[in-house]
Amino acid sequence: MYAALWRVLPGPWWVRLLIVLVLAAAVLYGLFFYVFPWASDILYPQEVTVE
């Protein structure tokens, strides 16, 4: 899968690397600021009790 993504991206290897890093940063940003807060409202981790 990653090899296919690498072949699809345009430019020399350093441009591909830059594109992959920007895409990874965008995915992490989306996870930390949209997905994880939404999931924490559903999962309620602060209401866990351990005896």
PDB file of N, CA and C in Angstrom:
ATOM      1  N   MET A   1       0.824  -1.188   0.000  1.00  0.00           N
ATOM      2  CA  MET A   1       0.000   0.000   0.000  1.00  0.00           C
ATOM      3  C   MET A   1       0.877   1.264   0.000  1.00  0.00           C
ATOM      4  N   TYR A   2       1.901   1.273   0.843  1.00  0.00           N
ATOM      5  CA  TYR A   2       2.747   2.455   0.921  1.00  0.00           C
ATOM      6  C   TYR A   2       3.580   2.627  -0.342  1.00  0.00           C
ATOM      7  N   ALA A   3       3.988   1.510  -0.938  1.00  0.00           N
ATOM      8  CA  ALA A   3       4.751   1.586  -2.180  1.00  0.00           C
ATOM      9  C   ALA A   3       3.890   2.152  -3.296  1.00  0.00           C
ATOM     10  N   ALA A   4       2.620   1.774  -3.337  1.00  0.00           N
ATOM     11  CA  ALA A   4       1.715   2.311  -4.355  1.00  0.00           C
ATOM     12  C   ALA A   4       1.508   3.807  -4.142  1.00  0.00           C
ATOM     13  N   LEU A   5       1.369   4.230  -2.896  1.00  0.00           N
ATOM     14  CA  LEU A   5       1.232   5.661  -2.601  1.00  0.00           C
ATOM     15  C   LEU A   5       2.498   6.406  -3.024  1.00  0.00           C
ATOM     16  N   TRP A   6       3.658   5.829  -2.746  1.00  0.00           N
ATOM     17  CA  TRP A   6       4.928   6.467  -3.093  1.00  0.00           C
ATOM     18  C   TRP A   6       5.064   6.631  -4.604  1.00  0.00           C
ATOM     19  N   ARG A   7       4.604   5.626  -5.374  1.00  0.00           N
ATOM     20  CA  ARG A   7       4.700   5.707  -6.831  1.00  0.00           C
ATOM     21  C   ARG A   7       3.727   6.720  -7.416  1.00  0.00           C
ATOM     22  N   VAL A   8       2.593   6.945  -6.769  1.00  0.00           N
ATOM     23  CA  VAL A   8       1.573   7.861  -7.277  1.00  0.00           C
ATOM     24  C   VAL A   8       1.965   9.324  -7.070  1.00  0.00           C
ATOM     25  N   LEU A   9       2.711   9.595  -6.013  1.00  0.00           N
ATOM     26  CA  LEU A   9       3.081  10.978  -5.708  1.00  0.00           C
ATOM     27  C   LEU A   9       4.040  11.535  -6.759  1.00  0.00           C
ATOM     28  N   PRO A  10       3.869  12.813  -7.096  1.00  0.00           N
ATOM     29  CA  PRO A  10       4.726  13.411  -8.132  1.00  0.00           C
ATOM     30  C   PRO A  10       6.048  13.922  -7.564  1.00  0.00           C
ATOM     31  N   GLY A  11       7.025  14.090  -8.437  1.00  0.00           N
ATOM     32  CA  GLY A  11       8.277  14.756  -8.085  1.00  0.00           C
ATOM     33  C   GLY A  11       9.370  13.814  -7.643  1.00  0.00           C
ATOM     34  N   PRO A  12      10.516  14.407  -7.323  1.00  0.00           N
ATOM     35  CA  PRO A  12      11.645  13.609  -6.816  1.00  0.00           C
ATOM     36  C   PRO A  12      11.370  13.120  -5.398  1.00  0.00           C
ATOM     37  N   TRP A  13      12.276  12.336  -4.843  1.00  0.00           N
ATOM     38  CA  TRP A  13      12.024  11.703  -3.550  1.00  0.00           C
ATOM     39  C   TRP A  13      11.832  12.705  -2.419  1.00  0.00           C
ATOM     40  N   TRP A  14      12.533  13.836  -2.472  1.00  0.00           N
ATOM     41  CA  TRP A  14      12.411  14.809  -1.377  1.00  0.00           C
ATOM     42  C   TRP A  14      11.071  15.529  -1.419  1.00  0.00           C
ATOM     43  N   VAL A  15      10.503  15.713  -2.610  1.00  0.00           N
ATOM     44  CA  VAL A  15       9.160  16.312  -2.707  1.00  0.00           C
ATOM     45  C   VAL A  15       8.119  15.317  -2.217  1.00  0.00           C
ATOM     46  N   ARG A  16       8.309  14.048  -2.579  1.00  0.00           N
ATOM     47  CA  ARG A  16       7.395  13.002  -2.099  1.00  0.00           C
ATOM     48  C   ARG A  16       7.436  12.907  -0.579  1.00  0.00           C
ATOM     49  N   LEU A  17       8.630  12.972  -0.028  1.00  0.00           N
ATOM     50  CA  LEU A  17       8.772  12.921   1.422  1.00  0.00           C
ATOM     51  C   LEU A  17       8.070  14.098   2.087  1.00  0.00           C
ATOM     52  N   LEU A  18       8.220  15.274   1.526  1.00  0.00           N
ATOM     53  CA  LEU A  18       7.555  16.457   2.058  1.00  0.00           C
ATOM     54  C   LEU A  18       6.033  16.311   1.992  1.00  0.00           C
ATOM     55  N   ILE A  19       5.521  15.790   0.894  1.00  0.00           N
ATOM     56  CA  ILE A  19       4.077  15.581   0.748  1.00  0.00           C
ATOM     57  C   ILE A  19       3.580  14.576   1.774  1.00  0.00           C
ATOM     58  N   VAL A  20       4.321  13.481   1.963  1.00  0.00           N
ATOM     59  CA  VAL A  20       3.921  12.464   2.935  1.00  0.00           C
ATOM     60  C   VAL A  20       3.932  13.038   4.343  1.00  0.00           C
ATOM     61  N   LEU A  21       4.925  13.839   4.674  1.00  0.00           N
ATOM     62  CA  LEU A  21       4.978  14.446   6.009  1.00  0.00           C
ATOM     63  C   LEU A  21       3.825  15.414   6.241  1.00  0.00           C
ATOM     64  N   VAL A  22       3.481  16.193   5.231  1.00  0.00           N
ATOM     65  CA  VAL A  22       2.354  17.115   5.357  1.00  0.00           C
ATOM     66  C   VAL A  22       1.048  16.348   5.501  1.00  0.00           C
ATOM     67  N   LEU A  23       0.884  15.281   4.733  1.00  0.00           N
ATOM     68  CA  LEU A  23      -0.328  14.463   4.848  1.00  0.00           C
ATOM     69  C   LEU A  23      -0.427  13.798   6.220  1.00  0.00           C
ATOM     70  N   ALA A  24       0.693  13.296   6.730  1.00  0.00           N
ATOM     71  CA  ALA A  24       0.692  12.679   8.058  1.00  0.00           C
ATOM     72  C   ALA A  24       0.363  13.709   9.138  1.00  0.00           C
ATOM     73  N   ALA A  25       0.902  14.914   9.008  1.00  0.00           N
ATOM     74  CA  ALA A  25       0.597  15.975   9.977  1.00  0.00           C
ATOM     75  C   ALA A  25      -0.879  16.355   9.916  1.00  0.00           C
ATOM     76  N   ALA A  26      -1.458  16.384   8.712  1.00  0.00           N
ATOM     77  CA  ALA A  26      -2.883  16.710   8.572  1.00  0.00           C
ATOM     78  C   ALA A  26      -3.752  15.632   9.201  1.00  0.00           C
ATOM     79  N   VAL A  27      -3.374  14.380   9.022  1.00  0.00           N
ATOM     80  CA  VAL A  27      -4.139  13.283   9.634  1.00  0.00           C
ATOM     81  C   VAL A  27      -4.052  13.350  11.153  1.00  0.00           C
ATOM     82  N   LEU A  28      -2.860  13.578  11.687  1.00  0.00           N
ATOM     83  CA  LEU A  28      -2.710  13.688  13.135  1.00  0.00           C
ATOM     84  C   LEU A  28      -3.471  14.884  13.699  1.00  0.00           C
ATOM     85  N   TYR A  29      -3.448  16.001  12.983  1.00  0.00           N
ATOM     86  CA  TYR A  29      -4.206  17.181  13.413  1.00  0.00           C
ATOM     87  C   TYR A  29      -5.697  16.854  13.482  1.00  0.00           C
ATOM     88  N   GLY A  30      -6.194  16.204  12.450  1.00  0.00           N
ATOM     89  CA  GLY A  30      -7.609  15.828  12.442  1.00  0.00           C
ATOM     90  C   GLY A  30      -7.964  14.872  13.562  1.00  0.00           C
ATOM     91  N   LEU A  31      -7.078  13.929  13.836  1.00  0.00           N
ATOM     92  CA  LEU A  31      -7.343  12.993  14.928  1.00  0.00           C
ATOM     93  C   LEU A  31      -7.355  13.690  16.279  1.00  0.00           C
ATOM     94  N   PHE A  32      -6.335  14.506  16.555  1.00  0.00           N
ATOM     95  CA  PHE A  32      -6.227  15.126  17.872  1.00  0.00           C
ATOM     96  C   PHE A  32      -7.276  16.192  18.128  1.00  0.00           C
ATOM     97  N   PHE A  33      -7.715  16.925  17.112  1.00  0.00           N
ATOM     98  CA  PHE A  33      -8.624  18.033  17.350  1.00  0.00           C
ATOM     99  C   PHE A  33     -10.079  17.747  17.000  1.00  0.00           C
ATOM    100  N   TYR A  34     -10.364  16.640  16.302  1.00  0.00           N
ATOM    101  CA  TYR A  34     -11.742  16.331  15.937  1.00  0.00           C
ATOM    102  C   TYR A  34     -12.180  14.939  16.383  1.00  0.00           C
ATOM    103  N   VAL A  35     -11.405  13.931  16.086  1.00  0.00           N
ATOM    104  CA  VAL A  35     -11.828  12.556  16.356  1.00  0.00           C
ATOM    105  C   VAL A  35     -11.690  12.205  17.833  1.00  0.00           C
ATOM    106  N   PHE A  36     -10.534  12.456  18.440  1.00  0.00           N
ATOM    107  CA  PHE A  36     -10.326  12.083  19.834  1.00  0.00           C
ATOM    108  C   PHE A  36     -11.257  12.839  20.792  1.00  0.00           C
ATOM    109  N   PRO A  37     -11.484  14.152  20.646  1.00  0.00           N
ATOM    110  CA  PRO A  37     -12.464  14.797  21.535  1.00  0.00           C
ATOM    111  C   PRO A  37     -13.876  14.245  21.347  1.00  0.00           C
ATOM    112  N   TRP A  38     -14.250  13.938  20.121  1.00  0.00           N
ATOM    113  CA  TRP A  38     -15.567  13.354  19.872  1.00  0.00           C
ATOM    114  C   TRP A  38     -15.681  11.990  20.539  1.00  0.00           C
ATOM    115  N   ALA A  39     -14.638  11.172  20.438  1.00  0.00           N
ATOM    116  CA  ALA A  39     -14.653   9.841  21.035  1.00  0.00           C
ATOM    117  C   ALA A  39     -14.627   9.911  22.553  1.00  0.00           C
ATOM    118  N   SER A  40     -13.952  10.895  23.119  1.00  0.00           N
ATOM    119  CA  SER A  40     -13.894  10.985  24.579  1.00  0.00           C
ATOM    120  C   SER A  40     -15.259  11.339  25.166  1.00  0.00           C
ATOM    121  N   ASP A  41     -16.085  12.072  24.435  1.00  0.00           N
ATOM    122  CA  ASP A  41     -17.440  12.348  24.908  1.00  0.00           C
ATOM    123  C   ASP A  41     -18.294  11.087  24.922  1.00  0.00           C
ATOM    124  N   ILE A  42     -18.024  10.182  24.023  1.00  0.00           N
ATOM    125  CA  ILE A  42     -18.802   8.952  23.939  1.00  0.00           C
ATOM    126  C   ILE A  42     -18.305   7.909  24.941  1.00  0.00           C
ATOM    127  N   LEU A  43     -17.016   7.802  25.152  1.00  0.00           N
ATOM    128  CA  LEU A  43     -16.440   6.723  25.957  1.00  0.00           C
ATOM    129  C   LEU A  43     -16.438   6.994  27.461  1.00  0.00           C
ATOM    130  N   TYR A  44     -16.456   8.244  27.877  1.00  0.00           N
ATOM    131  CA  TYR A  44     -16.448   8.646  29.281  1.00  0.00           C
ATOM    132  C   TYR A  44     -15.332   7.964  30.075  1.00  0.00           C
ATOM    133  N   PRO A  45     -14.070   8.200  29.754  1.00  0.00           N
ATOM    134  CA  PRO A  45     -12.991   7.527  30.503  1.00  0.00           C
ATOM    135  C   PRO A  45     -12.867   7.999  31.941  1.00  0.00           C
ATOM    136  N   GLN A  46     -13.405   9.147  32.288  1.00  0.00           N
ATOM    137  CA  GLN A  46     -13.290   9.660  33.655  1.00  0.00           C
ATOM    138  C   GLN A  46     -14.260   8.980  34.629  1.00  0.00           C
ATOM    139  N   GLU A  47     -15.186   8.153  34.125  1.00  0.00           N
ATOM    140  CA  GLU A  47     -16.134   7.478  34.991  1.00  0.00           C
ATOM    141  C   GLU A  47     -15.754   6.032  35.256  1.00  0.00           C
ATOM    142  N   VAL A  48     -14.508   5.674  35.041  1.00  0.00           N
ATOM    143  CA  VAL A  48     -14.054   4.299  35.264  1.00  0.00           C
ATOM    144  C   VAL A  48     -13.696   4.145  36.734  1.00  0.00           C
ATOM    145  N   THR A  49     -14.185   3.063  37.345  1.00  0.00           N
ATOM    146  CA  THR A  49     -13.853   2.799  38.730  1.00  0.00           C
ATOM    147  C   THR A  49     -13.050   1.507  38.818  1.00  0.00           C
ATOM    148  N   VAL A  50     -12.033   1.521  39.630  1.00  0.00           N
ATOM    149  CA  VAL A  50     -11.199   0.348  39.844  1.00  0.00           C
ATOM    150  C   VAL A  50     -11.243   0.027  41.332  1.00  0.00           C
ATOM    151  N   GLU A  51     -11.561  -1.197  41.645  1.00  0.00           N
ATOM    152  CA  GLU A  51     -11.666  -1.580  43.050  1.00  0.00           C
ATOM    153  C   GLU A  51     -10.454  -2.325  43.515  1.00  0.00           C
TER     154      GLU A  51
END
